Amino acid sequence: MSLFDKAKAKAEELFGHAEELYGQTHGDAAATLDGEARRLEGEAEEEQADGEQAERTDHPGDDGLAGAR
């Protein structure tokens, strides 16, 4: 996942949090649930990106040049 995708996931999480708070403060259950769903989706995408990045950095001796001479 690229840096842009990670930033997009963070923005989705923040937008969801804001929508969730709006729903709670205005008594709008639909906005609360939609915001919670967006927030959780953004968090899941961020965790996936972090996991993919950790997989790539698990091999400290690997320079990424497999087969290069």
Protein backbone atom coordinates (compact mmCIF):
# COMPACT_ATOMS: atom_id res chain seq x y z
CA MET A 1 0.00 0.00 0.00
CA SER A 2 1.44 3.32 -1.02
CA LEU A 3 1.83 6.41 1.07
CA PHE A 4 -1.15 7.95 -0.75
CA ASP A 5 -3.33 4.95 0.15
CA LYS A 6 -2.25 5.17 3.78
CA ALA A 7 -3.08 8.88 3.89
CA LYS A 8 -6.45 8.17 2.26
CA ALA A 9 -7.20 5.54 4.92
CA LYS A 10 -6.29 8.01 7.68
CA ALA A 11 -8.53 10.67 6.13
CA GLU A 12 -11.39 8.16 5.92
CA GLU A 13 -10.87 7.30 9.59
CA LEU A 14 -10.91 10.97 10.63
CA PHE A 15 -13.98 11.75 8.50
CA GLY A 16 -15.77 8.78 10.03
CA HIS A 17 -14.88 9.94 13.53
CA ALA A 18 -16.22 13.42 12.78
CA GLU A 19 -19.44 12.01 11.32
CA GLU A 20 -19.84 9.71 14.31
CA LEU A 21 -19.47 12.64 16.72
CA TYR A 22 -21.94 14.69 14.71
CA GLY A 23 -24.46 11.89 14.92
CA GLN A 24 -23.98 11.54 18.67
CA THR A 25 -24.32 15.24 19.40
CA HIS A 26 -27.35 15.73 17.16
CA GLY A 27 -29.15 12.51 18.03
CA ASP A 28 -28.81 11.17 14.48
CA ALA A 29 -28.43 7.40 14.80
CA ALA A 30 -27.88 6.90 11.05
CA ALA A 31 -24.96 9.36 11.01
CA THR A 32 -23.51 7.76 14.13
CA LEU A 33 -23.56 4.29 12.60
CA ASP A 34 -22.27 5.44 9.22
CA GLY A 35 -19.46 7.36 10.90
CA GLU A 36 -18.53 4.38 13.03
CA ALA A 37 -18.43 2.15 9.95
CA ARG A 38 -16.20 4.61 8.06
CA ARG A 39 -13.90 4.99 11.07
CA LEU A 40 -13.51 1.23 11.50
CA GLU A 41 -12.90 0.75 7.77
CA GLY A 42 -10.17 3.40 7.84
CA GLU A 43 -8.56 1.79 10.89
CA ALA A 44 -8.60 -1.62 9.20
CA GLU A 45 -7.01 -0.23 6.04
CA GLU A 46 -4.31 1.47 8.12
CA GLU A 47 -3.56 -1.75 10.01
CA GLN A 48 -3.35 -3.63 6.72
CA ALA A 49 -0.87 -1.06 5.38
CA ASP A 50 1.22 -1.32 8.55
CA GLY A 51 1.22 -5.12 8.28
CA GLU A 52 2.32 -5.02 4.65
CA GLN A 53 5.10 -2.60 5.51
CA ALA A 54 6.25 -4.83 8.38
CA GLU A 55 6.39 -7.82 6.02
CA ARG A 56 8.68 -5.90 3.69
CA THR A 57 11.03 -4.87 6.51
CA ASP A 58 11.20 -8.27 8.27
CA HIS A 59 14.35 -9.22 6.34
CA PRO A 60 17.09 -6.84 7.52
CA GLY A 61 19.79 -8.55 5.43
CA ASP A 62 17.74 -8.43 2.26
CA ASP A 63 18.56 -5.43 0.11
CA GLY A 64 15.65 -6.08 -2.24
CA LEU A 65 17.92 -6.86 -5.15
CA ALA A 66 17.12 -10.56 -5.51
CA GLY A 67 19.10 -12.03 -8.35
CA ALA A 68 21.10 -8.84 -8.97
CA ARG A 69 24.81 -9.21 -9.49
